[in-house]
């Protein structure tokens, strides 16, 4: 199954890893939710600091 990718350079969406602008497309899917979230503390701290 293919996932939708977003170009880091021009912010366009597509299925190929290389964009027509020459940039690289990355996955935009968020990570799965887990009750044992290892990085939740760091994410909340970063959100409070406005990072």
N, C-alpha and C. Protein backbone atom coordinates (compact mmCIF):
# COMPACT_ATOMS: atom_id res chain seq x y z
N UNK A 1 0.84 -1.17 0.00
CA UNK A 1 0.00 0.00 0.00
C UNK A 1 0.89 1.25 0.00
N UNK A 2 0.58 2.18 -0.86
CA UNK A 2 1.33 3.43 -0.95
C UNK A 2 0.75 4.47 0.00
N UNK A 3 1.63 5.30 0.53
CA UNK A 3 1.21 6.39 1.40
C UNK A 3 1.45 7.72 0.69
N UNK A 4 0.66 8.71 1.05
CA UNK A 4 0.83 10.04 0.48
C UNK A 4 2.07 10.67 1.09
N UNK A 5 2.89 11.28 0.24
CA UNK A 5 4.12 11.93 0.66
C UNK A 5 4.04 13.42 0.40
N UNK A 6 4.76 14.22 1.19
CA UNK A 6 4.77 15.67 1.04
C UNK A 6 6.20 16.14 0.78
N UNK A 7 6.38 17.02 -0.20
CA UNK A 7 7.69 17.55 -0.54
C UNK A 7 8.15 18.55 0.53
N UNK A 8 9.41 18.39 0.97
CA UNK A 8 9.95 19.31 1.97
C UNK A 8 10.22 20.69 1.38
N UNK A 9 10.48 20.72 0.09
CA UNK A 9 10.89 21.96 -0.58
C UNK A 9 9.69 22.83 -1.00
N UNK A 10 8.75 22.24 -1.76
CA UNK A 10 7.64 23.04 -2.31
C UNK A 10 6.28 22.72 -1.67
N UNK A 11 6.23 21.79 -0.74
CA UNK A 11 5.02 21.40 -0.01
C UNK A 11 3.93 20.79 -0.87
N UNK A 12 4.29 20.22 -2.03
CA UNK A 12 3.30 19.53 -2.85
C UNK A 12 3.19 18.08 -2.39
N UNK A 13 2.07 17.43 -2.72
CA UNK A 13 1.82 16.05 -2.32
C UNK A 13 1.93 15.14 -3.54
N UNK A 14 2.29 13.88 -3.30
CA UNK A 14 2.37 12.91 -4.37
C UNK A 14 2.71 11.54 -3.82
N UNK A 15 2.85 10.56 -4.72
CA UNK A 15 3.16 9.19 -4.32
C UNK A 15 4.62 8.82 -4.56
N UNK A 16 5.31 9.57 -5.42
CA UNK A 16 6.72 9.29 -5.70
C UNK A 16 7.61 9.97 -4.67
N UNK A 17 8.77 9.35 -4.37
CA UNK A 17 9.68 9.92 -3.37
C UNK A 17 10.39 11.17 -3.87
N UNK A 18 10.59 11.28 -5.18
CA UNK A 18 11.22 12.47 -5.75
C UNK A 18 10.15 13.39 -6.31
N UNK A 19 10.25 14.67 -6.00
CA UNK A 19 9.29 15.67 -6.48
C UNK A 19 9.78 16.25 -7.81
N UNK A 20 8.87 16.83 -8.57
CA UNK A 20 9.23 17.44 -9.84
C UNK A 20 10.09 18.69 -9.65
N UNK A 21 10.06 19.28 -8.44
CA UNK A 21 10.88 20.47 -8.17
C UNK A 21 12.31 20.09 -7.81
N UNK A 22 12.56 18.79 -7.64
CA UNK A 22 13.90 18.32 -7.28
C UNK A 22 14.04 18.02 -5.81
N UNK A 23 13.01 18.29 -5.03
CA UNK A 23 13.04 18.03 -3.59
C UNK A 23 12.70 16.59 -3.26
N UNK A 24 12.82 16.25 -2.00
CA UNK A 24 12.51 14.90 -1.53
C UNK A 24 11.19 14.93 -0.78
N UNK A 25 10.32 13.94 -1.04
CA UNK A 25 9.04 13.85 -0.36
C UNK A 25 9.18 12.93 0.85
N UNK A 26 8.52 13.32 1.94
CA UNK A 26 8.55 12.55 3.17
C UNK A 26 7.14 12.15 3.58
N UNK A 27 7.02 11.14 4.44
CA UNK A 27 5.73 10.68 4.94
C UNK A 27 5.15 11.72 5.89
N UNK A 28 3.85 11.98 5.77
CA UNK A 28 3.19 12.97 6.62
C UNK A 28 2.27 12.32 7.64
N UNK A 29 2.25 10.97 7.67
CA UNK A 29 1.41 10.27 8.64
C UNK A 29 1.94 10.47 10.04
N UNK A 30 1.08 10.78 11.00
CA UNK A 30 1.55 10.87 12.39
C UNK A 30 1.83 9.48 12.95
N UNK A 31 2.67 9.37 13.97
CA UNK A 31 2.92 8.06 14.57
C UNK A 31 1.67 7.52 15.25
N UNK A 32 1.59 6.19 15.39
CA UNK A 32 0.45 5.56 16.05
C UNK A 32 0.41 5.95 17.52
N UNK A 33 -0.81 6.02 18.08
CA UNK A 33 -0.98 6.33 19.49
C UNK A 33 -0.61 5.10 20.31
N UNK A 34 0.08 5.30 21.41
CA UNK A 34 0.42 4.22 22.31
C UNK A 34 0.27 4.70 23.75
N UNK A 35 -0.39 3.91 24.60
CA UNK A 35 -0.51 4.30 26.01
C UNK A 35 0.86 4.37 26.69
N UNK A 36 1.82 3.56 26.24
CA UNK A 36 3.18 3.61 26.79
C UNK A 36 4.03 4.54 25.92
N UNK A 37 3.62 5.79 25.81
CA UNK A 37 4.29 6.77 24.96
C UNK A 37 5.63 7.17 25.57
N UNK A 38 6.74 6.70 24.95
CA UNK A 38 8.07 6.97 25.47
C UNK A 38 8.45 8.44 25.39
N UNK A 39 7.96 9.12 24.37
CA UNK A 39 8.39 10.49 24.10
C UNK A 39 7.34 11.54 24.43
N UNK A 40 6.25 11.14 25.08
CA UNK A 40 5.17 12.07 25.41
C UNK A 40 5.61 13.22 26.29
N UNK A 41 6.45 12.91 27.28
CA UNK A 41 6.94 13.95 28.19
C UNK A 41 7.72 15.02 27.42
N UNK A 42 8.58 14.59 26.50
CA UNK A 42 9.39 15.54 25.72
C UNK A 42 8.52 16.36 24.77
N UNK A 43 7.52 15.71 24.17
CA UNK A 43 6.64 16.40 23.23
C UNK A 43 5.83 17.48 23.96
N UNK A 44 5.31 17.15 25.15
CA UNK A 44 4.54 18.13 25.92
C UNK A 44 5.41 19.30 26.35
N UNK A 45 6.65 18.99 26.75
CA UNK A 45 7.58 20.05 27.15
C UNK A 45 7.90 20.96 25.98
N UNK A 46 8.10 20.39 24.80
CA UNK A 46 8.39 21.19 23.61
C UNK A 46 7.19 22.05 23.24
N UNK A 47 5.99 21.53 23.40
CA UNK A 47 4.78 22.28 23.08
C UNK A 47 4.62 23.48 24.03
N UNK A 48 4.95 23.28 25.32
CA UNK A 48 4.87 24.37 26.29
C UNK A 48 5.87 25.48 25.97
N UNK A 49 7.05 25.08 25.52
CA UNK A 49 8.11 26.06 25.21
C UNK A 49 7.90 26.74 23.87
N UNK A 50 6.96 26.20 23.07
CA UNK A 50 6.65 26.80 21.78
C UNK A 50 7.61 26.41 20.68
N UNK A 51 8.23 25.25 20.81
CA UNK A 51 9.18 24.78 19.79
C UNK A 51 8.46 24.13 18.65
